[in-house]
mmCIF file of all heavy atoms, coordinates in Angstrom:
data_MODEL
# 
_entry.id   MODEL 
# 
loop_
_atom_site.group_PDB 
_atom_site.id 
_atom_site.type_symbol 
_atom_site.label_atom_id 
_atom_site.label_alt_id 
_atom_site.label_comp_id 
_atom_site.label_asym_id 
_atom_site.label_entity_id 
_atom_site.label_seq_id 
_atom_site.pdbx_PDB_ins_code 
_atom_site.Cartn_x 
_atom_site.Cartn_y 
_atom_site.Cartn_z 
_atom_site.occupancy 
_atom_site.B_iso_or_equiv 
_atom_site.pdbx_formal_charge 
_atom_site.auth_seq_id 
_atom_site.auth_comp_id 
_atom_site.auth_asym_id 
_atom_site.auth_atom_id 
_atom_site.pdbx_PDB_model_num 
ATOM 1   N N   . LYS A 1 1  ? 8.657  -145.109 -1.653 1.00 0.00 ? 1  LYS A N   1 
ATOM 2   C CA  . LYS A 1 1  ? 8.807  -144.268 -0.450 1.00 0.00 ? 1  LYS A CA  1 
ATOM 3   C C   . LYS A 1 1  ? 8.294  -142.873 -0.738 1.00 0.00 ? 1  LYS A C   1 
ATOM 4   O O   . LYS A 1 1  ? 8.642  -142.272 -1.761 1.00 0.00 ? 1  LYS A O   1 
ATOM 5   C CB  . LYS A 1 1  ? 10.285 -144.243 -0.041 1.00 0.00 ? 1  LYS A CB  1 
ATOM 6   C CG  . LYS A 1 1  ? 10.540 -143.463 1.246  1.00 0.00 ? 1  LYS A CG  1 
ATOM 7   C CD  . LYS A 1 1  ? 12.014 -143.440 1.538  1.00 0.00 ? 1  LYS A CD  1 
ATOM 8   C CE  . LYS A 1 1  ? 12.240 -142.531 2.793  1.00 0.00 ? 1  LYS A CE  1 
ATOM 9   N NZ  . LYS A 1 1  ? 13.628 -142.192 2.929  1.00 0.00 ? 1  LYS A NZ  1 
ATOM 10  N N   . VAL A 1 2  ? 7.508  -142.299 0.224  1.00 0.00 ? 2  VAL A N   1 
ATOM 11  C CA  . VAL A 1 2  ? 7.039  -140.942 0.028  1.00 0.00 ? 2  VAL A CA  1 
ATOM 12  C C   . VAL A 1 2  ? 8.230  -140.016 0.310  1.00 0.00 ? 2  VAL A C   1 
ATOM 13  O O   . VAL A 1 2  ? 8.819  -140.030 1.432  1.00 0.00 ? 2  VAL A O   1 
ATOM 14  C CB  . VAL A 1 2  ? 5.863  -140.656 1.019  1.00 0.00 ? 2  VAL A CB  1 
ATOM 15  C CG1 . VAL A 1 2  ? 5.452  -139.161 0.938  1.00 0.00 ? 2  VAL A CG1 1 
ATOM 16  C CG2 . VAL A 1 2  ? 4.639  -141.519 0.716  1.00 0.00 ? 2  VAL A CG2 1 
ATOM 17  N N   . ILE A 1 3  ? 8.590  -139.170 -0.662 1.00 0.00 ? 3  ILE A N   1 
ATOM 18  C CA  . ILE A 1 3  ? 9.699  -138.248 -0.481 1.00 0.00 ? 3  ILE A CA  1 
ATOM 19  C C   . ILE A 1 3  ? 9.277  -136.814 -0.486 1.00 0.00 ? 3  ILE A C   1 
ATOM 20  O O   . ILE A 1 3  ? 10.104 -135.920 -0.238 1.00 0.00 ? 3  ILE A O   1 
ATOM 21  C CB  . ILE A 1 3  ? 10.779 -138.499 -1.558 1.00 0.00 ? 3  ILE A CB  1 
ATOM 22  C CG1 . ILE A 1 3  ? 10.191 -138.262 -2.968 1.00 0.00 ? 3  ILE A CG1 1 
ATOM 23  C CG2 . ILE A 1 3  ? 11.424 -139.866 -1.426 1.00 0.00 ? 3  ILE A CG2 1 
ATOM 24  C CD1 . ILE A 1 3  ? 11.276 -138.055 -4.028 1.00 0.00 ? 3  ILE A CD1 1 
ATOM 25  N N   . GLY A 1 4  ? 8.023  -136.585 -0.781 1.00 0.00 ? 4  GLY A N   1 
ATOM 26  C CA  . GLY A 1 4  ? 7.525  -135.195 -0.783 1.00 0.00 ? 4  GLY A CA  1 
ATOM 27  C C   . GLY A 1 4  ? 6.060  -135.129 -0.416 1.00 0.00 ? 4  GLY A C   1 
ATOM 28  O O   . GLY A 1 4  ? 5.276  -136.003 -0.896 1.00 0.00 ? 4  GLY A O   1 
ATOM 29  N N   . ARG A 1 5  ? 5.729  -134.224 0.458  1.00 0.00 ? 5  ARG A N   1 
ATOM 30  C CA  . ARG A 1 5  ? 4.324  -134.039 0.890  1.00 0.00 ? 5  ARG A CA  1 
ATOM 31  C C   . ARG A 1 5  ? 3.997  -132.577 0.822  1.00 0.00 ? 5  ARG A C   1 
ATOM 32  O O   . ARG A 1 5  ? 4.870  -131.743 1.069  1.00 0.00 ? 5  ARG A O   1 
ATOM 33  C CB  . ARG A 1 5  ? 4.154  -134.513 2.340  1.00 0.00 ? 5  ARG A CB  1 
ATOM 34  C CG  . ARG A 1 5  ? 4.283  -135.956 2.621  1.00 0.00 ? 5  ARG A CG  1 
ATOM 35  C CD  . ARG A 1 5  ? 4.158  -136.219 4.098  1.00 0.00 ? 5  ARG A CD  1 
ATOM 36  N NE  . ARG A 1 5  ? 4.107  -137.633 4.401  1.00 0.00 ? 5  ARG A NE  1 
ATOM 37  C CZ  . ARG A 1 5  ? 5.170  -138.438 4.469  1.00 0.00 ? 5  ARG A CZ  1 
ATOM 38  N NH1 . ARG A 1 5  ? 6.371  -137.931 4.257  1.00 0.00 ? 5  ARG A NH1 1 
ATOM 39  N NH2 . ARG A 1 5  ? 5.073  -139.706 4.739  1.00 0.00 ? 5  ARG A NH2 1 
ATOM 40  N N   . GLY A 1 6  ? 2.749  -132.289 0.531  1.00 0.00 ? 6  GLY A N   1 
ATOM 41  C CA  . GLY A 1 6  ? 2.299  -130.892 0.577  1.00 0.00 ? 6  GLY A CA  1 
ATOM 42  C C   . GLY A 1 6  ? 0.800  -130.812 0.657  1.00 0.00 ? 6  GLY A C   1 
ATOM 43  O O   . GLY A 1 6  ? 0.113  -131.725 0.233  1.00 0.00 ? 6  GLY A O   1 
ATOM 44  N N   . TYR A 1 7  ? 0.353  -129.697 1.151  1.00 0.00 ? 7  TYR A N   1 
ATOM 45  C CA  . TYR A 1 7  ? -1.069 -129.391 1.180  1.00 0.00 ? 7  TYR A CA  1 
ATOM 46  C C   . TYR A 1 7  ? -1.212 -127.951 0.915  1.00 0.00 ? 7  TYR A C   1 
ATOM 47  O O   . TYR A 1 7  ? -0.352 -127.107 1.137  1.00 0.00 ? 7  TYR A O   1 
ATOM 48  C CB  . TYR A 1 7  ? -1.791 -129.863 2.458  1.00 0.00 ? 7  TYR A CB  1 
ATOM 49  C CG  . TYR A 1 7  ? -1.273 -129.327 3.736  1.00 0.00 ? 7  TYR A CG  1 
ATOM 50  C CD1 . TYR A 1 7  ? -1.780 -128.091 4.269  1.00 0.00 ? 7  TYR A CD1 1 
ATOM 51  C CD2 . TYR A 1 7  ? -0.284 -129.987 4.444  1.00 0.00 ? 7  TYR A CD2 1 
ATOM 52  C CE1 . TYR A 1 7  ? -1.282 -127.589 5.436  1.00 0.00 ? 7  TYR A CE1 1 
ATOM 53  C CE2 . TYR A 1 7  ? 0.154  -129.489 5.664  1.00 0.00 ? 7  TYR A CE2 1 
ATOM 54  C CZ  . TYR A 1 7  ? -0.307 -128.296 6.137  1.00 0.00 ? 7  TYR A CZ  1 
ATOM 55  O OH  . TYR A 1 7  ? 0.139  -127.779 7.300  1.00 0.00 ? 7  TYR A OH  1 
ATOM 56  N N   . ASN A 1 8  ? -2.384 -127.587 0.386  1.00 0.00 ? 8  ASN A N   1 
ATOM 57  C CA  . ASN A 1 8  ? -2.646 -126.218 0.024  1.00 0.00 ? 8  ASN A CA  1 
ATOM 58  C C   . ASN A 1 8  ? -2.476 -125.252 1.236  1.00 0.00 ? 8  ASN A C   1 
ATOM 59  O O   . ASN A 1 8  ? -3.044 -125.468 2.260  1.00 0.00 ? 8  ASN A O   1 
ATOM 60  C CB  . ASN A 1 8  ? -4.058 -126.132 -0.544 1.00 0.00 ? 8  ASN A CB  1 
ATOM 61  C CG  . ASN A 1 8  ? -4.334 -124.804 -1.244 1.00 0.00 ? 8  ASN A CG  1 
ATOM 62  O OD1 . ASN A 1 8  ? -3.439 -124.134 -1.666 1.00 0.00 ? 8  ASN A OD1 1 
ATOM 63  N ND2 . ASN A 1 8  ? -5.615 -124.517 -1.345 1.00 0.00 ? 8  ASN A ND2 1 
ATOM 64  N N   . ARG A 1 9  ? -1.672 -124.205 1.007  1.00 0.00 ? 9  ARG A N   1 
ATOM 65  C CA  . ARG A 1 9  ? -1.416 -123.250 2.099  1.00 0.00 ? 9  ARG A CA  1 
ATOM 66  C C   . ARG A 1 9  ? -1.545 -121.776 1.551  1.00 0.00 ? 9  ARG A C   1 
ATOM 67  O O   . ARG A 1 9  ? -0.938 -120.862 2.087  1.00 0.00 ? 9  ARG A O   1 
ATOM 68  C CB  . ARG A 1 9  ? -0.040 -123.446 2.661  1.00 0.00 ? 9  ARG A CB  1 
ATOM 69  C CG  . ARG A 1 9  ? 0.113  -124.791 3.370  1.00 0.00 ? 9  ARG A CG  1 
ATOM 70  C CD  . ARG A 1 9  ? 1.507  -125.024 3.710  1.00 0.00 ? 9  ARG A CD  1 
ATOM 71  N NE  . ARG A 1 9  ? 2.081  -123.912 4.469  1.00 0.00 ? 9  ARG A NE  1 
ATOM 72  C CZ  . ARG A 1 9  ? 2.948  -123.978 5.447  1.00 0.00 ? 9  ARG A CZ  1 
ATOM 73  N NH1 . ARG A 1 9  ? 3.365  -125.116 5.815  1.00 0.00 ? 9  ARG A NH1 1 
ATOM 74  N NH2 . ARG A 1 9  ? 3.437  -122.902 5.970  1.00 0.00 ? 9  ARG A NH2 1 
ATOM 75  N N   . ARG A 1 10 ? -2.269 -121.632 0.459  1.00 0.00 ? 10 ARG A N   1 
ATOM 76  C CA  . ARG A 1 10 ? -2.425 -120.269 -0.146 1.00 0.00 ? 10 ARG A CA  1 
ATOM 77  C C   . ARG A 1 10 ? -2.952 -119.237 0.854  1.00 0.00 ? 10 ARG A C   1 
ATOM 78  O O   . ARG A 1 10 ? -2.352 -118.179 0.968  1.00 0.00 ? 10 ARG A O   1 
ATOM 79  C CB  . ARG A 1 10 ? -3.345 -120.317 -1.358 1.00 0.00 ? 10 ARG A CB  1 
ATOM 80  C CG  . ARG A 1 10 ? -2.619 -120.645 -2.620 1.00 0.00 ? 10 ARG A CG  1 
ATOM 81  C CD  . ARG A 1 10 ? -3.437 -120.376 -3.858 1.00 0.00 ? 10 ARG A CD  1 
ATOM 82  N NE  . ARG A 1 10 ? -4.887 -120.585 -3.693 1.00 0.00 ? 10 ARG A NE  1 
ATOM 83  C CZ  . ARG A 1 10 ? -5.755 -120.448 -4.651 1.00 0.00 ? 10 ARG A CZ  1 
ATOM 84  N NH1 . ARG A 1 10 ? -5.322 -120.113 -5.886 1.00 0.00 ? 10 ARG A NH1 1 
ATOM 85  N NH2 . ARG A 1 10 ? -7.051 -120.608 -4.481 1.00 0.00 ? 10 ARG A NH2 1 
ATOM 86  N N   . ASN A 1 11 ? -4.028 -119.515 1.481  1.00 0.00 ? 11 ASN A N   1 
ATOM 87  C CA  . ASN A 1 11 ? -4.631 -118.572 2.432  1.00 0.00 ? 11 ASN A CA  1 
ATOM 88  C C   . ASN A 1 11 ? -3.766 -118.418 3.688  1.00 0.00 ? 11 ASN A C   1 
ATOM 89  O O   . ASN A 1 11 ? -3.544 -117.329 4.162  1.00 0.00 ? 11 ASN A O   1 
ATOM 90  C CB  . ASN A 1 11 ? -6.055 -119.021 2.811  1.00 0.00 ? 11 ASN A CB  1 
ATOM 91  C CG  . ASN A 1 11 ? -7.000 -118.859 1.684  1.00 0.00 ? 11 ASN A CG  1 
ATOM 92  O OD1 . ASN A 1 11 ? -6.829 -118.046 0.778  1.00 0.00 ? 11 ASN A OD1 1 
ATOM 93  N ND2 . ASN A 1 11 ? -7.991 -119.751 1.607  1.00 0.00 ? 11 ASN A ND2 1 
ATOM 94  N N   . ARG A 1 12 ? -3.333 -119.488 4.187  1.00 0.00 ? 12 ARG A N   1 
ATOM 95  C CA  . ARG A 1 12 ? -2.548 -119.481 5.448  1.00 0.00 ? 12 ARG A CA  1 
ATOM 96  C C   . ARG A 1 12 ? -1.214 -118.683 5.256  1.00 0.00 ? 12 ARG A C   1 
ATOM 97  O O   . ARG A 1 12 ? -0.931 -117.846 6.146  1.00 0.00 ? 12 ARG A O   1 
ATOM 98  C CB  . ARG A 1 12 ? -2.224 -120.959 5.828  1.00 0.00 ? 12 ARG A CB  1 
ATOM 99  C CG  . ARG A 1 12 ? -1.399 -121.057 7.025  1.00 0.00 ? 12 ARG A CG  1 
ATOM 100 C CD  . ARG A 1 12 ? -1.216 -122.542 7.336  1.00 0.00 ? 12 ARG A CD  1 
ATOM 101 N NE  . ARG A 1 12 ? -0.126 -122.677 8.332  1.00 0.00 ? 12 ARG A NE  1 
ATOM 102 C CZ  . ARG A 1 12 ? 0.357  -123.877 8.690  1.00 0.00 ? 12 ARG A CZ  1 
ATOM 103 N NH1 . ARG A 1 12 ? -0.124 -124.981 8.179  1.00 0.00 ? 12 ARG A NH1 1 
ATOM 104 N NH2 . ARG A 1 12 ? 1.337  -123.944 9.546  1.00 0.00 ? 12 ARG A NH2 1 
ATOM 105 N N   . ASP A 1 13 ? -0.595 -118.895 4.128  1.00 0.00 ? 13 ASP A N   1 
ATOM 106 C CA  . ASP A 1 13 ? 0.691  -118.196 3.910  1.00 0.00 ? 13 ASP A CA  1 
ATOM 107 C C   . ASP A 1 13 ? 0.552  -116.907 3.057  1.00 0.00 ? 13 ASP A C   1 
ATOM 108 O O   . ASP A 1 13 ? 1.556  -116.219 2.795  1.00 0.00 ? 13 ASP A O   1 
ATOM 109 C CB  . ASP A 1 13 ? 1.707  -119.136 3.233  1.00 0.00 ? 13 ASP A CB  1 
ATOM 110 C CG  . ASP A 1 13 ? 2.129  -120.284 4.139  1.00 0.00 ? 13 ASP A CG  1 
ATOM 111 O OD1 . ASP A 1 13 ? 1.755  -120.284 5.300  1.00 0.00 ? 13 ASP A OD1 1 
ATOM 112 O OD2 . ASP A 1 13 ? 2.894  -121.091 3.655  1.00 0.00 ? 13 ASP A OD2 1 
ATOM 113 N N   . ARG A 1 14 ? -0.697 -116.648 2.637  1.00 0.00 ? 14 ARG A N   1 
ATOM 114 C CA  . ARG A 1 14 ? -1.019 -115.498 1.777  1.00 0.00 ? 14 ARG A CA  1 
ATOM 115 C C   . ARG A 1 14 ? -0.084 -115.458 0.543  1.00 0.00 ? 14 ARG A C   1 
ATOM 116 O O   . ARG A 1 14 ? 0.517  -114.435 0.223  1.00 0.00 ? 14 ARG A O   1 
ATOM 117 C CB  . ARG A 1 14 ? -0.936 -114.217 2.572  1.00 0.00 ? 14 ARG A CB  1 
ATOM 118 C CG  . ARG A 1 14 ? -2.005 -114.084 3.625  1.00 0.00 ? 14 ARG A CG  1 
ATOM 119 C CD  . ARG A 1 14 ? -1.836 -112.793 4.408  1.00 0.00 ? 14 ARG A CD  1 
ATOM 120 N NE  . ARG A 1 14 ? -2.974 -112.634 5.300  1.00 0.00 ? 14 ARG A NE  1 
ATOM 121 C CZ  . ARG A 1 14 ? -3.052 -113.153 6.509  1.00 0.00 ? 14 ARG A CZ  1 
ATOM 122 N NH1 . ARG A 1 14 ? -2.079 -113.931 6.934  1.00 0.00 ? 14 ARG A NH1 1 
ATOM 123 N NH2 . ARG A 1 14 ? -4.092 -112.901 7.309  1.00 0.00 ? 14 ARG A NH2 1 
ATOM 124 N N   . SER A 1 15 ? 0.033  -116.613 -0.118 1.00 0.00 ? 15 SER A N   1 
ATOM 125 C CA  . SER A 1 15 ? 0.899  -116.687 -1.281 1.00 0.00 ? 15 SER A CA  1 
ATOM 126 C C   . SER A 1 15 ? 0.234  -117.536 -2.376 1.00 0.00 ? 15 SER A C   1 
ATOM 127 O O   . SER A 1 15 ? -0.157 -118.684 -2.092 1.00 0.00 ? 15 SER A O   1 
ATOM 128 C CB  . SER A 1 15 ? 2.270  -117.322 -0.902 1.00 0.00 ? 15 SER A CB  1 
ATOM 129 O OG  . SER A 1 15 ? 3.021  -117.539 -2.065 1.00 0.00 ? 15 SER A OG  1 
ATOM 130 N N   . THR A 1 16 ? 0.162  -117.028 -3.547 1.00 0.00 ? 16 THR A N   1 
ATOM 131 C CA  . THR A 1 16 ? -0.354 -117.756 -4.712 1.00 0.00 ? 16 THR A CA  1 
ATOM 132 C C   . THR A 1 16 ? 0.416  -119.009 -4.996 1.00 0.00 ? 16 THR A C   1 
ATOM 133 O O   . THR A 1 16 ? -0.095 -119.949 -5.546 1.00 0.00 ? 16 THR A O   1 
ATOM 134 C CB  . THR A 1 16 ? -0.309 -116.801 -5.926 1.00 0.00 ? 16 THR A CB  1 
ATOM 135 O OG1 . THR A 1 16 ? -1.038 -115.622 -5.642 1.00 0.00 ? 16 THR A OG1 1 
ATOM 136 C CG2 . THR A 1 16 ? -0.882 -117.453 -7.174 1.00 0.00 ? 16 THR A CG2 1 
ATOM 137 N N   . LEU A 1 17 ? 1.690  -119.009 -4.641 1.00 0.00 ? 17 LEU A N   1 
ATOM 138 C CA  . LEU A 1 17 ? 2.579  -120.112 -4.980 1.00 0.00 ? 17 LEU A CA  1 
ATOM 139 C C   . LEU A 1 17 ? 2.459  -121.319 -4.044 1.00 0.00 ? 17 LEU A C   1 
ATOM 140 O O   . LEU A 1 17 ? 3.060  -122.374 -4.346 1.00 0.00 ? 17 LEU A O   1 
ATOM 141 C CB  . LEU A 1 17 ? 4.066  -119.656 -4.959 1.00 0.00 ? 17 LEU A CB  1 
ATOM 142 C CG  . LEU A 1 17 ? 4.320  -118.447 -5.854 1.00 0.00 ? 17 LEU A CG  1 
ATOM 143 C CD1 . LEU A 1 17 ? 5.728  -118.019 -5.669 1.00 0.00 ? 17 LEU A CD1 1 
ATOM 144 C CD2 . LEU A 1 17 ? 4.070  -118.807 -7.287 1.00 0.00 ? 17 LEU A CD2 1 
ATOM 145 N N   . MET A 1 18 ? 1.736  -121.235 -2.953 1.00 0.00 ? 18 MET A N   1 
ATOM 146 C CA  . MET A 1 18 ? 1.702  -122.335 -1.959 1.00 0.00 ? 18 MET A CA  1 
ATOM 147 C C   . MET A 1 18 ? 0.656  -123.382 -2.239 1.00 0.00 ? 18 MET A C   1 
ATOM 148 O O   . MET A 1 18 ? -0.132 -123.699 -1.388 1.00 0.00 ? 18 MET A O   1 
ATOM 149 C CB  . MET A 1 18 ? 1.553  -121.678 -0.549 1.00 0.00 ? 18 MET A CB  1 
ATOM 150 C CG  . MET A 1 18 ? 2.711  -120.757 -0.175 1.00 0.00 ? 18 MET A CG  1 
ATOM 151 S SD  . MET A 1 18 ? 4.332  -121.486 -0.319 1.00 0.00 ? 18 MET A SD  1 
ATOM 152 C CE  . MET A 1 18 ? 4.321  -122.551 1.065  1.00 0.00 ? 18 MET A CE  1 
ATOM 153 N N   . HIS A 1 19 ? 0.756  -123.952 -3.436 1.00 0.00 ? 19 HIS A N   1 
ATOM 154 C CA  . HIS A 1 19 ? -0.158 -124.994 -3.780 1.00 0.00 ? 19 HIS A CA  1 
ATOM 155 C C   . HIS A 1 19 ? 0.531  -126.355 -3.301 1.00 0.00 ? 19 HIS A C   1 
ATOM 156 O O   . HIS A 1 19 ? 1.746  -126.467 -3.174 1.00 0.00 ? 19 HIS A O   1 
ATOM 157 C CB  . HIS A 1 19 ? -0.361 -125.095 -5.302 1.00 0.00 ? 19 HIS A CB  1 
ATOM 158 C CG  . HIS A 1 19 ? -1.192 -124.034 -5.853 1.00 0.00 ? 19 HIS A CG  1 
ATOM 159 N ND1 . HIS A 1 19 ? -1.949 -124.209 -6.952 1.00 0.00 ? 19 HIS A ND1 1 
ATOM 160 C CD2 . HIS A 1 19 ? -1.404 -122.754 -5.454 1.00 0.00 ? 19 HIS A CD2 1 
ATOM 161 C CE1 . HIS A 1 19 ? -2.611 -123.087 -7.226 1.00 0.00 ? 19 HIS A CE1 1 
ATOM 162 N NE2 . HIS A 1 19 ? -2.298 -122.179 -6.293 1.00 0.00 ? 19 HIS A NE2 1 
ATOM 163 N N   . ALA A 1 20 ? -0.349 -127.349 -3.090 1.00 0.00 ? 20 ALA A N   1 
ATOM 164 C CA  . ALA A 1 20 ? 0.120  -128.626 -2.578 1.00 0.00 ? 20 ALA A CA  1 
ATOM 165 C C   . ALA A 1 20 ? 1.238  -129.266 -3.468 1.00 0.00 ? 20 ALA A C   1 
ATOM 166 O O   . ALA A 1 20 ? 2.218  -129.752 -2.938 1.00 0.00 ? 20 ALA A O   1 
ATOM 167 C CB  . ALA A 1 20 ? -1.084 -129.579 -2.495 1.00 0.00 ? 20 ALA A CB  1 
ATOM 168 N N   . GLU A 1 21 ? 1.066  -129.187 -4.785 1.00 0.00 ? 21 GLU A N   1 
ATOM 169 C CA  . GLU A 1 21 ? 2.018  -129.822 -5.677 1.00 0.00 ? 21 GLU A CA  1 
ATOM 170 C C   . GLU A 1 21 ? 3.365  -129.101 -5.635 1.00 0.00 ? 21 GLU A C   1 
ATOM 171 O O   . GLU A 1 21 ? 4.465  -129.772 -5.618 1.00 0.00 ? 21 GLU A O   1 
ATOM 172 C CB  . GLU A 1 21 ? 1.513  -129.750 -7.135 1.00 0.00 ? 21 GLU A CB  1 
ATOM 173 C CG  . GLU A 1 21 ? 0.220  -130.472 -7.370 1.00 0.00 ? 21 GLU A CG  1 
ATOM 174 C CD  . GLU A 1 21 ? -1.007 -129.591 -7.310 1.00 0.00 ? 21 GLU A CD  1 
ATOM 175 O OE1 . GLU A 1 21 ? -1.086 -128.658 -6.467 1.00 0.00 ? 21 GLU A OE1 1 
ATOM 176 O OE2 . GLU A 1 21 ? -1.948 -129.823 -8.048 1.00 0.00 ? 21 GLU A OE2 1 
ATOM 177 N N   . ILE A 1 22 ? 3.390  -127.806 -5.578 1.00 0.00 ? 22 ILE A N   1 
ATOM 178 C CA  . ILE A 1 22 ? 4.600  -127.017 -5.555 1.00 0.00 ? 22 ILE A CA  1 
ATOM 179 C C   . ILE A 1 22 ? 5.404  -127.294 -4.275 1.00 0.00 ? 22 ILE A C   1 
ATOM 180 O O   . ILE A 1 22 ? 6.591  -127.518 -4.313 1.00 0.00 ? 22 ILE A O   1 
ATOM 181 C CB  . ILE A 1 22 ? 4.314  -125.493 -5.620 1.00 0.00 ? 22 ILE A CB  1 
ATOM 182 C CG1 . ILE A 1 22 ? 3.544  -125.093 -6.943 1.00 0.00 ? 22 ILE A CG1 1 
ATOM 183 C CG2 . ILE A 1 22 ? 5.599  -124.662 -5.518 1.00 0.00 ? 22 ILE A CG2 1 
ATOM 184 C CD1 . ILE A 1 22 ? 4.310  -125.428 -8.219 1.00 0.00 ? 22 ILE A CD1 1 
ATOM 185 N N   . ILE A 1 23 ? 4.676  -127.353 -3.141 1.00 0.00 ? 23 ILE A N   1 
ATOM 186 C CA  . ILE A 1 23 ? 5.335  -127.677 -1.874 1.00 0.00 ? 23 ILE A CA  1 
ATOM 187 C C   . ILE A 1 23 ? 5.946  -129.078 -1.896 1.00 0.00 ? 23 ILE A C   1 
ATOM 188 O O   . ILE A 1 23 ? 7.080  -129.295 -1.487 1.00 0.00 ? 23 ILE A O   1 
ATOM 189 C CB  . ILE A 1 23 ? 4.320  -127.526 -0.710 1.00 0.00 ? 23 ILE A CB  1 
ATOM 190 C CG1 . ILE A 1 23 ? 3.855  -126.072 -0.568 1.00 0.00 ? 23 ILE A CG1 1 
ATOM 191 C CG2 . ILE A 1 23 ? 4.863  -128.035 0.630  1.00 0.00 ? 23 ILE A CG2 1 
ATOM 192 C CD1 . ILE A 1 23 ? 2.643  -125.795 0.290  1.00 0.00 ? 23 ILE A CD1 1 
ATOM 193 N N   . ALA A 1 24 ? 5.169  -130.024 -2.413 1.00 0.00 ? 24 ALA A N   1 
ATOM 194 C CA  . ALA A 1 24 ? 5.640  -131.413 -2.446 1.00 0.00 ? 24 ALA A CA  1 
ATOM 195 C C   . ALA A 1 24 ? 6.804  -131.547 -3.414 1.00 0.00 ? 24 ALA A C   1 
ATOM 196 O O   . ALA A 1 24 ? 7.775  -132.263 -3.112 1.00 0.00 ? 24 ALA A O   1 
ATOM 197 C CB  . ALA A 1 24 ? 4.504  -132.350 -2.910 1.00 0.00 ? 24 ALA A CB  1 
ATOM 198 N N   . ILE A 1 25 ? 6.785  -130.843 -4.545 1.00 0.00 ? 25 ILE A N   1 
ATOM 199 C CA  . ILE A 1 25 ? 7.879  -130.908 -5.502 1.00 0.00 ? 25 ILE A CA  1 
ATOM 200 C C   . ILE A 1 25 ? 9.155  -130.328 -4.848 1.00 0.00 ? 25 ILE A C   1 
ATOM 201 O O   . ILE A 1 25 ? 10.281 -130.881 -5.018 1.00 0.00 ? 25 ILE A O   1 
ATOM 202 C CB  . ILE A 1 25 ? 7.542  -130.127 -6.818 1.00 0.00 ? 25 ILE A CB  1 
ATOM 203 C CG1 . ILE A 1 25 ? 6.518  -130.938 -7.644 1.00 0.00 ? 25 ILE A CG1 1 
ATOM 204 C CG2 . ILE A 1 25 ? 8.762  -129.847 -7.632 1.00 0.00 ? 25 ILE A CG2 1 
ATOM 205 C CD1 . ILE A 1 25 ? 5.932  -130.204 -8.792 1.00 0.00 ? 25 ILE A CD1 1 
ATOM 206 N N   . ARG A 1 26 ? 9.030  -129.230 -4.134 1.00 0.00 ? 26 ARG A N   1 
ATOM 207 C CA  . ARG A 1 26 ? 10.243 -128.628 -3.450 1.00 0.00 ? 26 ARG A CA  1 
ATOM 208 C C   . ARG A 1 26 ? 10.826 -129.635 -2.478 1.00 0.00 ? 26 ARG A C   1 
ATOM 209 O O   . ARG A 1 26 ? 12.076 -129.817 -2.425 1.00 0.00 ? 26 ARG A O   1 
ATOM 210 C CB  . ARG A 1 26 ? 9.815  -127.343 -2.787 1.00 0.00 ? 26 ARG A CB  1 
ATOM 211 C CG  . ARG A 1 26 ? 9.597  -126.205 -3.775 1.00 0.00 ? 26 ARG A CG  1 
ATOM 212 C CD  . ARG A 1 26 ? 9.240  -124.942 -3.043 1.00 0.00 ? 26 ARG A CD  1 
ATOM 213 N NE  . ARG A 1 26 ? 10.290 -124.485 -2.183 1.00 0.00 ? 26 ARG A NE  1 
ATOM 214 C CZ  . ARG A 1 26 ? 10.172 -123.658 -1.226 1.00 0.00 ? 26 ARG A CZ  1 
ATOM 215 N NH1 . ARG A 1 26 ? 9.050  -123.151 -0.865 1.00 0.00 ? 26 ARG A NH1 1 
ATOM 216 N NH2 . ARG A 1 26 ? 11.249 -123.287 -0.500 1.00 0.00 ? 26 ARG A NH2 1 
ATOM 217 N N   . LYS A 1 27 ? 9.923  -130.238 -1.693 1.00 0.00 ? 27 LYS A N   1 
ATOM 218 C CA  . LYS A 1 27 ? 10.447 -131.233 -0.691 1.00 0.00 ? 27 LYS A CA  1 
ATOM 219 C C   . LYS A 1 27 ? 11.100 -132.400 -1.332 1.00 0.00 ? 27 LYS A C   1 
ATOM 220 O O   . LYS A 1 27 ? 12.180 -132.877 -0.902 1.00 0.00 ? 27 LYS A O   1 
ATOM 221 C CB  . LYS A 1 27 ? 9.326  -131.648 0.237  1.00 0.00 ? 27 LYS A CB  1 
ATOM 222 C CG  . LYS A 1 27 ? 8.914  -130.486 1.158  1.00 0.00 ? 27 LYS A CG  1 
ATOM 223 C CD  . LYS A 1 27 ? 7.768  -130.894 2.063  1.00 0.00 ? 27 LYS A CD  1 
ATOM 224 C CE  . LYS A 1 27 ? 7.321  -129.730 2.973  1.00 0.00 ? 27 LYS A CE  1 
ATOM 225 N NZ  . LYS A 1 27 ? 6.205  -130.088 3.841  1.00 0.00 ? 27 LYS A NZ  1 
ATOM 226 N N   . ALA A 1 28 ? 10.486 -132.970 -2.375 1.00 0.00 ? 28 ALA A N   1 
ATOM 227 C CA  . ALA A 1 28 ? 11.015 -134.144 -3.085 1.00 0.00 ? 28 ALA A CA  1 
ATOM 228 C C   . ALA A 1 28 ? 12.352 -133.790 -3.732 1.00 0.00 ? 28 ALA A C   1 
ATOM 229 O O   . ALA A 1 28 ? 13.287 -134.625 -3.671 1.00 0.00 ? 28 ALA A O   1 
ATOM 230 C CB  . ALA A 1 28 ? 10.006 -134.637 -4.129 1.00 0.00 ? 28 ALA A CB  1 
# 
């Protein structure tokens, strides 16, 4: 089962930390 999803949001959120993997790890 998919428990975490993420996509790159660096530009959108103006944050170096908003990589797809980091977002998915937080959600999972």
